[in-house]
């Protein structure tokens, strides 16, 4: 059985900047570089009998893209993904704040 840590290390070598910034694309003279928030995790183990296993997973949220037109470079956010993250966050933060205020009033 190959060493799990070495295998995971080889597979995760392409994570990091490559998973956060996509491949550059040129569309009608406009240069586009997609940007995402990405994270991943791995784990593995074995017992004294030599039985082992491992696994991993990852997740990415598209944040937007860098757009270059001539000399102009700007970031255009992905509004849909922003709303998908912001709405639940605001709801949870508001709910927690209301509970804190209610507890302080007692």
PDB file of N, CA and C in Angstrom:
ATOM      1  N   UNK A   1       0.844  -1.176   0.000  1.00  0.00           N
ATOM      2  CA  UNK A   1       0.000   0.000   0.000  1.00  0.00           C
ATOM      3  C   UNK A   1       0.893   1.244   0.000  1.00  0.00           C
ATOM      4  N   UNK A   2       0.649   2.174  -0.910  1.00  0.00           N
ATOM      5  CA  UNK A   2       1.480   3.384  -0.960  1.00  0.00           C
ATOM      6  C   UNK A   2       1.240   4.263   0.269  1.00  0.00           C
ATOM      7  N   UNK A   3       2.196   5.098   0.557  1.00  0.00           N
ATOM      8  CA  UNK A   3       2.096   6.017   1.690  1.00  0.00           C
ATOM      9  C   UNK A   3       1.022   7.061   1.386  1.00  0.00           C
ATOM     10  N   UNK A   4       0.001   7.099   2.218  1.00  0.00           N
ATOM     11  CA  UNK A   4      -1.145   7.984   1.980  1.00  0.00           C
ATOM     12  C   UNK A   4      -0.719   9.450   2.022  1.00  0.00           C
ATOM     13  N   UNK A   5       0.136   9.804   2.950  1.00  0.00           N
ATOM     14  CA  UNK A   5       0.560  11.200   3.077  1.00  0.00           C
ATOM     15  C   UNK A   5       1.284  11.670   1.816  1.00  0.00           C
ATOM     16  N   UNK A   6       2.120  10.814   1.248  1.00  0.00           N
ATOM     17  CA  UNK A   6       2.821  11.201   0.022  1.00  0.00           C
ATOM     18  C   UNK A   6       1.859  11.346  -1.145  1.00  0.00           C
ATOM     19  N   UNK A   7       0.892  10.458  -1.249  1.00  0.00           N
ATOM     20  CA  UNK A   7      -0.093  10.537  -2.326  1.00  0.00           C
ATOM     21  C   UNK A   7      -0.933  11.807  -2.218  1.00  0.00           C
ATOM     22  N   UNK A   8      -1.370  12.125  -1.002  1.00  0.00           N
ATOM     23  CA  UNK A   8      -2.150  13.347  -0.809  1.00  0.00           C
ATOM     24  C   UNK A   8      -1.310  14.583  -1.104  1.00  0.00           C
ATOM     25  N   UNK A   9      -0.048  14.540  -0.738  1.00  0.00           N
ATOM     26  CA  UNK A   9       0.847  15.656  -1.034  1.00  0.00           C
ATOM     27  C   UNK A   9       1.011  15.885  -2.523  1.00  0.00           C
ATOM     28  N   UNK A  10       1.130  14.809  -3.284  1.00  0.00           N
ATOM     29  CA  UNK A  10       1.257  14.927  -4.743  1.00  0.00           C
ATOM     30  C   UNK A  10      -0.018  15.486  -5.367  1.00  0.00           C
ATOM     31  N   UNK A  11      -1.164  15.016  -4.885  1.00  0.00           N
ATOM     32  CA  UNK A  11      -2.431  15.459  -5.455  1.00  0.00           C
ATOM     33  C   UNK A  11      -2.764  16.898  -5.074  1.00  0.00           C
ATOM     34  N   UNK A  12      -2.341  17.335  -3.900  1.00  0.00           N
ATOM     35  CA  UNK A  12      -2.681  18.680  -3.457  1.00  0.00           C
ATOM     36  C   UNK A  12      -1.681  19.738  -3.931  1.00  0.00           C
ATOM     37  N   UNK A  13      -0.685  19.342  -4.693  1.00  0.00           N
ATOM     38  CA  UNK A  13       0.314  20.304  -5.166  1.00  0.00           C
ATOM     39  C   UNK A  13      -0.296  21.352  -6.085  1.00  0.00           C
ATOM     40  N   UNK A  14      -1.396  21.030  -6.742  1.00  0.00           N
ATOM     41  CA  UNK A  14      -2.016  21.993  -7.659  1.00  0.00           C
ATOM     42  C   UNK A  14      -3.049  22.871  -6.968  1.00  0.00           C
ATOM     43  N   UNK A  15      -3.300  22.670  -5.679  1.00  0.00           N
ATOM     44  CA  UNK A  15      -4.238  23.522  -4.966  1.00  0.00           C
ATOM     45  C   UNK A  15      -3.559  24.838  -4.636  1.00  0.00           C
ATOM     46  N   UNK A  16      -4.277  25.734  -4.015  1.00  0.00           N
ATOM     47  CA  UNK A  16      -3.705  27.025  -3.653  1.00  0.00           C
ATOM     48  C   UNK A  16      -4.075  28.067  -4.682  1.00  0.00           C
ATOM     49  N   UNK A  17      -3.073  28.716  -5.248  1.00  0.00           N
ATOM     50  CA  UNK A  17      -3.321  29.796  -6.195  1.00  0.00           C
ATOM     51  C   UNK A  17      -4.054  29.289  -7.434  1.00  0.00           C
ATOM     52  N   UNK A  18      -3.723  28.091  -7.896  1.00  0.00           N
ATOM     53  CA  UNK A  18      -4.383  27.569  -9.089  1.00  0.00           C
ATOM     54  C   UNK A  18      -5.866  27.309  -8.863  1.00  0.00           C
ATOM     55  N   UNK A  19      -6.256  26.998  -7.641  1.00  0.00           N
ATOM     56  CA  UNK A  19      -7.675  26.772  -7.384  1.00  0.00           C
ATOM     57  C   UNK A  19      -8.415  28.082  -7.103  1.00  0.00           C
ATOM     58  N   UNK A  20      -7.713  29.123  -6.686  1.00  0.00           N
ATOM     59  CA  UNK A  20      -8.345  30.405  -6.403  1.00  0.00           C
ATOM     60  C   UNK A  20      -8.459  31.279  -7.650  1.00  0.00           C
ATOM     61  N   UNK A  21      -7.494  31.181  -8.545  1.00  0.00           N
ATOM     62  CA  UNK A  21      -7.507  31.957  -9.779  1.00  0.00           C
ATOM     63  C   UNK A  21      -7.571  30.999 -10.955  1.00  0.00           C
ATOM     64  N   UNK A  22      -8.590  31.159 -11.801  1.00  0.00           N
ATOM     65  CA  UNK A  22      -8.759  30.274 -12.947  1.00  0.00           C
ATOM     66  C   UNK A  22      -7.843  30.637 -14.105  1.00  0.00           C
ATOM     67  N   UNK A  23      -7.953  29.862 -15.155  1.00  0.00           N
ATOM     68  CA  UNK A  23      -7.163  30.123 -16.353  1.00  0.00           C
ATOM     69  C   UNK A  23      -7.631  31.404 -17.030  1.00  0.00           C
ATOM     70  N   UNK A  24      -6.697  32.174 -17.504  1.00  0.00           N
ATOM     71  CA  UNK A  24      -6.993  33.414 -18.217  1.00  0.00           C
ATOM     72  C   UNK A  24      -7.679  33.101 -19.536  1.00  0.00           C
ATOM     73  N   UNK A  25      -8.704  33.882 -19.870  1.00  0.00           N
ATOM     74  CA  UNK A  25      -9.409  33.713 -21.143  1.00  0.00           C
ATOM     75  C   UNK A  25      -9.476  35.059 -21.848  1.00  0.00           C
ATOM     76  N   UNK A  26      -9.283  35.041 -23.147  1.00  0.00           N
ATOM     77  CA  UNK A  26      -9.413  36.254 -23.965  1.00  0.00           C
ATOM     78  C   UNK A  26     -10.683  36.138 -24.795  1.00  0.00           C
ATOM     79  N   UNK A  27     -11.613  37.083 -24.592  1.00  0.00           N
ATOM     80  CA  UNK A  27     -12.880  37.095 -25.313  1.00  0.00           C
ATOM     81  C   UNK A  27     -13.057  38.462 -25.948  1.00  0.00           C
ATOM     82  N   UNK A  28     -13.013  38.516 -27.275  1.00  0.00           N
ATOM     83  CA  UNK A  28     -13.183  39.764 -28.030  1.00  0.00           C
ATOM     84  C   UNK A  28     -12.255  40.873 -27.545  1.00  0.00           C
ATOM     85  N   UNK A  29     -11.012  40.554 -27.300  1.00  0.00           N
ATOM     86  CA  UNK A  29     -10.032  41.538 -26.875  1.00  0.00           C
ATOM     87  C   UNK A  29     -10.099  41.887 -25.397  1.00  0.00           C
ATOM     88  N   UNK A  30     -10.946  41.222 -24.639  1.00  0.00           N
ATOM     89  CA  UNK A  30     -11.076  41.450 -23.204  1.00  0.00           C
ATOM     90  C   UNK A  30     -10.465  40.254 -22.491  1.00  0.00           C
ATOM     91  N   UNK A  31      -9.554  40.522 -21.568  1.00  0.00           N
ATOM     92  CA  UNK A  31      -8.884  39.464 -20.818  1.00  0.00           C
ATOM     93  C   UNK A  31      -9.630  39.245 -19.501  1.00  0.00           C
ATOM     94  N   UNK A  32      -9.996  37.990 -19.226  1.00  0.00           N
ATOM     95  CA  UNK A  32     -10.784  37.642 -18.044  1.00  0.00           C
ATOM     96  C   UNK A  32     -10.035  36.597 -17.223  1.00  0.00           C
ATOM     97  N   UNK A  33      -9.924  36.848 -15.905  1.00  0.00           N
ATOM     98  CA  UNK A  33      -9.329  35.887 -14.971  1.00  0.00           C
ATOM     99  C   UNK A  33     -10.343  35.641 -13.858  1.00  0.00           C
ATOM    100  N   UNK A  34     -10.966  34.441 -13.806  1.00  0.00           N
ATOM    101  CA  UNK A  34     -11.942  34.167 -12.754  1.00  0.00           C
ATOM    102  C   UNK A  34     -11.272  33.987 -11.390  1.00  0.00           C
ATOM    103  N   UNK A  35     -11.988  34.399 -10.338  1.00  0.00           N
ATOM    104  CA  UNK A  35     -11.477  34.329  -8.974  1.00  0.00           C
ATOM    105  C   UNK A  35     -12.493  33.581  -8.106  1.00  0.00           C
ATOM    106  N   UNK A  36     -11.984  32.696  -7.250  1.00  0.00           N
ATOM    107  CA  UNK A  36     -12.855  31.929  -6.355  1.00  0.00           C
ATOM    108  C   UNK A  36     -12.221  31.828  -4.979  1.00  0.00           C
ATOM    109  N   UNK A  37     -13.058  31.577  -3.996  1.00  0.00           N
ATOM    110  CA  UNK A  37     -12.602  31.262  -2.651  1.00  0.00           C
ATOM    111  C   UNK A  37     -12.648  29.747  -2.550  1.00  0.00           C
ATOM    112  N   UNK A  38     -11.502  29.116  -2.349  1.00  0.00           N
ATOM    113  CA  UNK A  38     -11.442  27.651  -2.366  1.00  0.00           C
ATOM    114  C   UNK A  38     -10.746  27.131  -1.118  1.00  0.00           C
ATOM    115  N   UNK A  39     -11.234  25.998  -0.618  1.00  0.00           N
ATOM    116  CA  UNK A  39     -10.564  25.334   0.485  1.00  0.00           C
ATOM    117  C   UNK A  39     -10.763  23.836   0.344  1.00  0.00           C
ATOM    118  N   UNK A  40      -9.868  23.094   0.990  1.00  0.00           N
ATOM    119  CA  UNK A  40      -9.920  21.641   0.904  1.00  0.00           C
ATOM    120  C   UNK A  40      -9.360  21.038   2.180  1.00  0.00           C
ATOM    121  N   UNK A  41      -9.629  19.764   2.371  1.00  0.00           N
ATOM    122  CA  UNK A  41      -9.114  19.060   3.533  1.00  0.00           C
ATOM    123  C   UNK A  41      -8.913  17.591   3.222  1.00  0.00           C
ATOM    124  N   UNK A  42      -7.957  17.000   3.886  1.00  0.00           N
ATOM    125  CA  UNK A  42      -7.628  15.596   3.673  1.00  0.00           C
ATOM    126  C   UNK A  42      -7.399  14.932   5.019  1.00  0.00           C
ATOM    127  N   UNK A  43      -7.584  13.629   5.030  1.00  0.00           N
ATOM    128  CA  UNK A  43      -7.312  12.868   6.243  1.00  0.00           C
ATOM    129  C   UNK A  43      -7.032  11.423   5.893  1.00  0.00           C
ATOM    130  N   UNK A  44      -6.390  10.760   6.774  1.00  0.00           N
ATOM    131  CA  UNK A  44      -6.082   9.354   6.548  1.00  0.00           C
ATOM    132  C   UNK A  44      -5.571   8.718   7.818  1.00  0.00           C
ATOM    133  N   UNK A  45      -5.523   7.409   7.801  1.00  0.00           N
ATOM    134  CA  UNK A  45      -5.028   6.702   8.974  1.00  0.00           C
ATOM    135  C   UNK A  45      -4.935   5.212   8.713  1.00  0.00           C
ATOM    136  N   UNK A  46      -4.361   4.519   9.671  1.00  0.00           N
ATOM    137  CA  UNK A  46      -4.238   3.063   9.565  1.00  0.00           C
ATOM    138  C   UNK A  46      -4.184   2.480  10.965  1.00  0.00           C
ATOM    139  N   UNK A  47      -4.374   1.161  11.039  1.00  0.00           N
ATOM    140  CA  UNK A  47      -4.290   0.480  12.321  1.00  0.00           C
ATOM    141  C   UNK A  47      -3.045  -0.404  12.359  1.00  0.00           C
ATOM    142  N   UNK A  48      -2.880  -1.146  13.465  1.00  0.00           N
ATOM    143  CA  UNK A  48      -1.693  -1.976  13.623  1.00  0.00           C
ATOM    144  C   UNK A  48      -1.632  -3.115  12.604  1.00  0.00           C
ATOM    145  N   UNK A  49      -2.795  -3.538  12.107  1.00  0.00           N
ATOM    146  CA  UNK A  49      -2.840  -4.645  11.148  1.00  0.00           C
ATOM    147  C   UNK A  49      -2.496  -4.202   9.729  1.00  0.00           C
ATOM    148  N   UNK A  50      -2.274  -2.918   9.522  1.00  0.00           N
ATOM    149  CA  UNK A  50      -1.928  -2.426   8.194  1.00  0.00           C
ATOM    150  C   UNK A  50      -3.125  -1.993   7.367  1.00  0.00           C
ATOM    151  N   UNK A  51      -4.317  -2.048   7.939  1.00  0.00           N
ATOM    152  CA  UNK A  51      -5.511  -1.570   7.247  1.00  0.00           C
ATOM    153  C   UNK A  51      -5.537  -0.055   7.334  1.00  0.00           C
ATOM    154  N   UNK A  52      -5.763   0.589   6.226  1.00  0.00           N
ATOM    155  CA  UNK A  52      -5.758   2.045   6.236  1.00  0.00           C
ATOM    156  C   UNK A  52      -6.687   2.607   5.190  1.00  0.00           C
ATOM    157  N   UNK A  53      -6.847   3.877   5.268  1.00  0.00           N
ATOM    158  CA  UNK A  53      -7.694   4.559   4.299  1.00  0.00           C
ATOM    159  C   UNK A  53      -7.537   6.058   4.439  1.00  0.00           C
ATOM    160  N   UNK A  54      -8.123   6.731   3.532  1.00  0.00           N
ATOM    161  CA  UNK A  54      -8.037   8.184   3.560  1.00  0.00           C
ATOM    162  C   UNK A  54      -9.111   8.783   2.695  1.00  0.00           C
ATOM    163  N   UNK A  55      -9.234  10.074   2.776  1.00  0.00           N
ATOM    164  CA  UNK A  55     -10.227  10.770   1.969  1.00  0.00           C
ATOM    165  C   UNK A  55      -9.985  12.257   2.017  1.00  0.00           C
ATOM    166  N   UNK A  56     -10.747  12.937   1.250  1.00  0.00           N
ATOM    167  CA  UNK A  56     -10.602  14.381   1.212  1.00  0.00           C
ATOM    168  C   UNK A  56     -11.744  15.004   0.446  1.00  0.00           C
ATOM    169  N   UNK A  57     -11.759  16.290   0.466  1.00  0.00           N
ATOM    170  CA  UNK A  57     -12.798  17.012  -0.247  1.00  0.00           C
ATOM    171  C   UNK A  57     -12.436  18.475  -0.346  1.00  0.00           C
ATOM    172  N   UNK A  58     -13.188  19.174  -1.135  1.00  0.00           N
ATOM    173  CA  UNK A  58     -12.931  20.593  -1.310  1.00  0.00           C
ATOM    174  C   UNK A  58     -14.193  21.325  -1.695  1.00  0.00           C
ATOM    175  N   UNK A  59     -14.120  22.633  -1.673  1.00  0.00           N
ATOM    176  CA  UNK A  59     -15.262  23.472  -1.979  1.00  0.00           C
ATOM    177  C   UNK A  59     -14.752  24.773  -2.564  1.00  0.00           C
ATOM    178  N   UNK A  60     -15.479  25.320  -3.489  1.00  0.00           N
ATOM    179  CA  UNK A  60     -15.092  26.596  -4.095  1.00  0.00           C
ATOM    180  C   UNK A  60     -16.332  27.465  -4.292  1.00  0.00           C
ATOM    181  N   UNK A  61     -16.199  28.749  -3.976  1.00  0.00           N
ATOM    182  CA  UNK A  61     -17.262  29.722  -4.170  1.00  0.00           C
ATOM    183  C   UNK A  61     -16.751  30.746  -5.187  1.00  0.00           C
ATOM    184  N   UNK A  62     -17.411  30.876  -6.331  1.00  0.00           N
ATOM    185  CA  UNK A  62     -16.957  31.861  -7.318  1.00  0.00           C
ATOM    186  C   UNK A  62     -17.206  33.286  -6.808  1.00  0.00           C
ATOM    187  N   UNK A  63     -16.147  34.072  -6.710  1.00  0.00           N
ATOM    188  CA  UNK A  63     -16.266  35.434  -6.200  1.00  0.00           C
ATOM    189  C   UNK A  63     -16.474  36.465  -7.295  1.00  0.00           C
ATOM    190  N   UNK A  64     -15.909  36.236  -8.463  1.00  0.00           N
ATOM    191  CA  UNK A  64     -16.008  37.196  -9.556  1.00  0.00           C
ATOM    192  C   UNK A  64     -14.880  36.984 -10.535  1.00  0.00           C
ATOM    193  N   UNK A  65     -14.486  38.069 -11.198  1.00  0.00           N
ATOM    194  CA  UNK A  65     -13.420  37.971 -12.190  1.00  0.00           C
ATOM    195  C   UNK A  65     -12.700  39.300 -12.318  1.00  0.00           C
ATOM    196  N   UNK A  66     -11.413  39.218 -12.618  1.00  0.00           N
ATOM    197  CA  UNK A  66     -10.650  40.397 -13.005  1.00  0.00           C
ATOM    198  C   UNK A  66     -10.841  40.585 -14.502  1.00  0.00           C
ATOM    199  N   UNK A  67     -11.217  41.801 -14.909  1.00  0.00           N
ATOM    200  CA  UNK A  67     -11.489  42.117 -16.303  1.00  0.00           C
ATOM    201  C   UNK A  67     -10.487  43.178 -16.748  1.00  0.00           C
ATOM    202  N   UNK A  68      -9.790  42.905 -17.849  1.00  0.00           N
ATOM    203  CA  UNK A  68      -8.856  43.890 -18.397  1.00  0.00           C
ATOM    204  C   UNK A  68      -9.302  44.254 -19.811  1.00  0.00           C
ATOM    205  N   UNK A  69      -9.592  45.543 -19.981  1.00  0.00           N
ATOM    206  CA  UNK A  69      -9.905  46.112 -21.298  1.00  0.00           C
ATOM    207  C   UNK A  69      -8.864  47.188 -21.563  1.00  0.00           C
ATOM    208  N   UNK A  70      -7.954  46.902 -22.459  1.00  0.00           N
ATOM    209  CA  UNK A  70      -6.873  47.851 -22.731  1.00  0.00           C
ATOM    210  C   UNK A  70      -6.020  48.040 -21.496  1.00  0.00           C
ATOM    211  N   UNK A  71      -5.935  49.282 -21.002  1.00  0.00           N
ATOM    212  CA  UNK A  71      -5.147  49.583 -19.797  1.00  0.00           C
ATOM    213  C   UNK A  71      -5.997  49.563 -18.532  1.00  0.00           C
ATOM    214  N   UNK A  72      -7.290  49.346 -18.662  1.00  0.00           N
ATOM    215  CA  UNK A  72      -8.202  49.362 -17.516  1.00  0.00           C
ATOM    216  C   UNK A  72      -8.321  47.957 -16.921  1.00  0.00           C
ATOM    217  N   UNK A  73      -8.018  47.822 -15.637  1.00  0.00           N
ATOM    218  CA  UNK A  73      -8.152  46.554 -14.916  1.00  0.00           C
ATOM    219  C   UNK A  73      -9.078  46.771 -13.734  1.00  0.00           C
ATOM    220  N   UNK A  74     -10.106  45.930 -13.638  1.00  0.00           N
ATOM    221  CA  UNK A  74     -11.033  46.051 -12.515  1.00  0.00           C
ATOM    222  C   UNK A  74     -11.563  44.682 -12.125  1.00  0.00           C
ATOM    223  N   UNK A  75     -12.094  44.607 -10.922  1.00  0.00           N
ATOM    224  CA  UNK A  75     -12.696  43.378 -10.418  1.00  0.00           C
ATOM    225  C   UNK A  75     -14.203  43.510 -10.503  1.00  0.00           C
ATOM    226  N   UNK A  76     -14.862  42.536 -11.109  1.00  0.00           N
ATOM    227  CA  UNK A  76     -16.324  42.512 -11.177  1.00  0.00           C
ATOM    228  C   UNK A  76     -16.817  41.352 -10.327  1.00  0.00           C
ATOM    229  N   UNK A  77     -17.528  41.641  -9.235  1.00  0.00           N
ATOM    230  CA  UNK A  77     -17.980  40.566  -8.349  1.00  0.00           C
ATOM    231  C   UNK A  77     -19.116  39.757  -8.962  1.00  0.00           C
ATOM    232  N   UNK A  78     -19.237  38.520  -8.504  1.00  0.00           N
ATOM    233  CA  UNK A  78     -20.337  37.646  -8.881  1.00  0.00           C
ATOM    234  C   UNK A  78     -21.460  37.911  -7.888  1.00  0.00           C
ATOM    235  N   UNK A  79     -22.464  38.657  -8.305  1.00  0.00           N
ATOM    236  CA  UNK A  79     -23.531  39.090  -7.402  1.00  0.00           C
ATOM    237  C   UNK A  79     -24.332  37.898  -6.873  1.00  0.00           C
ATOM    238  N   UNK A  80     -24.571  36.905  -7.708  1.00  0.00           N
ATOM    239  CA  UNK A  80     -25.362  35.743  -7.281  1.00  0.00           C
ATOM    240  C   UNK A  80     -24.672  35.014  -6.135  1.00  0.00           C
ATOM    241  N   UNK A  81     -23.364  34.757  -6.263  1.00  0.00           N
ATOM    242  CA  UNK A  81     -22.663  34.059  -5.183  1.00  0.00           C
ATOM    243  C   UNK A  81     -22.542  34.948  -3.956  1.00  0.00           C
ATOM    244  N   UNK A  82     -22.400  36.250  -4.142  1.00  0.00           N
ATOM    245  CA  UNK A  82     -22.360  37.168  -3.004  1.00  0.00           C
ATOM    246  C   UNK A  82     -23.661  37.098  -2.219  1.00  0.00           C
ATOM    247  N   UNK A  83     -24.794  37.118  -2.908  1.00  0.00           N
ATOM    248  CA  UNK A  83     -26.090  37.044  -2.241  1.00  0.00           C
ATOM    249  C   UNK A  83     -26.302  35.681  -1.587  1.00  0.00           C
ATOM    250  N   UNK A  84     -25.824  34.616  -2.235  1.00  0.00           N
ATOM    251  CA  UNK A  84     -25.981  33.273  -1.680  1.00  0.00           C
ATOM    252  C   UNK A  84     -25.219  33.121  -0.369  1.00  0.00           C
ATOM    253  N   UNK A  85     -24.134  33.867  -0.205  1.00  0.00           N
ATOM    254  CA  UNK A  85     -23.365  33.815   1.038  1.00  0.00           C
ATOM    255  C   UNK A  85     -23.843  34.887   2.018  1.00  0.00           C
ATOM    256  N   UNK A  86     -24.154  36.073   1.532  1.00  0.00           N
ATOM    257  CA  UNK A  86     -24.488  37.195   2.405  1.00  0.00           C
ATOM    258  C   UNK A  86     -25.839  37.047   3.087  1.00  0.00           C
ATOM    259  N   UNK A  87     -26.848  36.547   2.385  1.00  0.00           N
ATOM    260  CA  UNK A  87     -28.186  36.461   2.977  1.00  0.00           C
ATOM    261  C   UNK A  87     -28.201  35.527   4.187  1.00  0.00           C
ATOM    262  N   UNK A  88     -27.681  34.292   4.089  1.00  0.00           N
ATOM    263  CA  UNK A  88     -27.658  33.458   5.299  1.00  0.00           C
ATOM    264  C   UNK A  88     -26.779  34.040   6.413  1.00  0.00           C
ATOM    265  N   UNK A  89     -25.662  34.673   6.045  1.00  0.00           N
ATOM    266  CA  UNK A  89     -24.780  35.269   7.044  1.00  0.00           C
ATOM    267  C   UNK A  89     -25.492  36.376   7.806  1.00  0.00           C
ATOM    268  N   UNK A  90     -26.178  37.250   7.096  1.00  0.00           N
ATOM    269  CA  UNK A  90     -26.896  38.351   7.744  1.00  0.00           C
ATOM    270  C   UNK A  90     -28.017  37.804   8.622  1.00  0.00           C
ATOM    271  N   UNK A  91     -28.701  36.761   8.166  1.00  0.00           N
ATOM    272  CA  UNK A  91     -29.780  36.169   8.960  1.00  0.00           C
ATOM    273  C   UNK A  91     -29.228  35.597  10.266  1.00  0.00           C
ATOM    274  N   UNK A  92     -28.151  34.833  10.184  1.00  0.00           N
ATOM    275  CA  UNK A  92     -27.557  34.221  11.380  1.00  0.00           C
ATOM    276  C   UNK A  92     -27.021  35.297  12.316  1.00  0.00           C
ATOM    277  N   UNK A  93     -26.349  36.303  11.773  1.00  0.00           N
ATOM    278  CA  UNK A  93     -25.804  37.377  12.613  1.00  0.00           C
ATOM    279  C   UNK A  93     -26.930  38.142  13.295  1.00  0.00           C
ATOM    280  N   UNK A  94     -28.005  38.421  12.576  1.00  0.00           N
ATOM    281  CA  UNK A  94     -29.150  39.117  13.177  1.00  0.00           C
ATOM    282  C   UNK A  94     -29.817  38.297  14.252  1.00  0.00           C
ATOM    283  N   UNK A  95     -29.953  37.016  14.000  1.00  0.00           N
ATOM    284  CA  UNK A  95     -30.571  36.117  14.993  1.00  0.00           C
ATOM    285  C   UNK A  95     -29.708  36.058  16.258  1.00  0.00           C
ATOM    286  N   UNK A  96     -28.391  35.936  16.084  1.00  0.00           N
ATOM    287  CA  UNK A  96     -27.492  35.881  17.237  1.00  0.00           C
ATOM    288  C   UNK A  96     -27.528  37.205  18.007  1.00  0.00           C
ATOM    289  N   UNK A  97     -27.523  38.319  17.294  1.00  0.00           N
ATOM    290  CA  UNK A  97     -27.563  39.627  17.950  1.00  0.00           C
ATOM    291  C   UNK A  97     -28.859  39.815  18.731  1.00  0.00           C
ATOM    292  N   UNK A  98     -29.974  39.364  18.165  1.00  0.00           N
ATOM    293  CA  UNK A  98     -31.247  39.503  18.887  1.00  0.00           C
ATOM    294  C   UNK A  98     -31.254  38.658  20.159  1.00  0.00           C
ATOM    295  N   UNK A  99     -30.644  37.493  20.127  1.00  0.00           N
ATOM    296  CA  UNK A  99     -30.572  36.658  21.326  1.00  0.00           C
ATOM    297  C   UNK A  99     -29.659  37.274  22.386  1.00  0.00           C
ATOM    298  N   UNK A 100     -28.561  37.889  21.947  1.00  0.00           N
ATOM    299  CA  UNK A 100     -27.666  38.556  22.894  1.00  0.00           C
ATOM    300  C   UNK A 100     -28.381  39.729  23.555  1.00  0.00           C
ATOM    301  N   UNK A 101     -29.115  40.511  22.773  1.00  0.00           N
ATOM    302  CA  UNK A 101     -29.837  41.650  23.322  1.00  0.00           C
ATOM    303  C   UNK A 101     -30.919  41.180  24.288  1.00  0.00           C
ATOM    304  N   UNK A 102     -31.622  40.108  23.921  1.00  0.00           N
ATOM    305  CA  UNK A 102     -32.669  39.564  24.786  1.00  0.00           C
ATOM    306  C   UNK A 102     -32.062  39.060  26.110  1.00  0.00           C
ATOM    307  N   UNK A 103     -30.887  38.432  26.036  1.00  0.00           N
ATOM    308  CA  UNK A 103     -30.232  37.918  27.251  1.00  0.00           C
ATOM    309  C   UNK A 103     -29.753  39.072  28.134  1.00  0.00           C
ATOM    310  N   UNK A 104     -29.300  40.158  27.521  1.00  0.00           N
ATOM    311  CA  UNK A 104     -28.828  41.306  28.306  1.00  0.00           C
ATOM    312  C   UNK A 104     -29.974  42.038  28.988  1.00  0.00           C
ATOM    313  N   UNK A 105     -31.169  41.995  28.426  1.00  0.00           N
ATOM    314  CA  UNK A 105     -32.326  42.664  29.020  1.00  0.00           C
ATOM    315  C   UNK A 105     -32.814  41.951  30.277  1.00  0.00           C
ATOM    316  N   UNK A 106     -32.536  40.682  30.424  1.00  0.00           N
ATOM    317  CA  UNK A 106     -33.017  39.919  31.583  1.00  0.00           C
ATOM    318  C   UNK A 106     -32.279  40.230  32.827  1.00  0.00           C
TER     319      UNK A 106
END
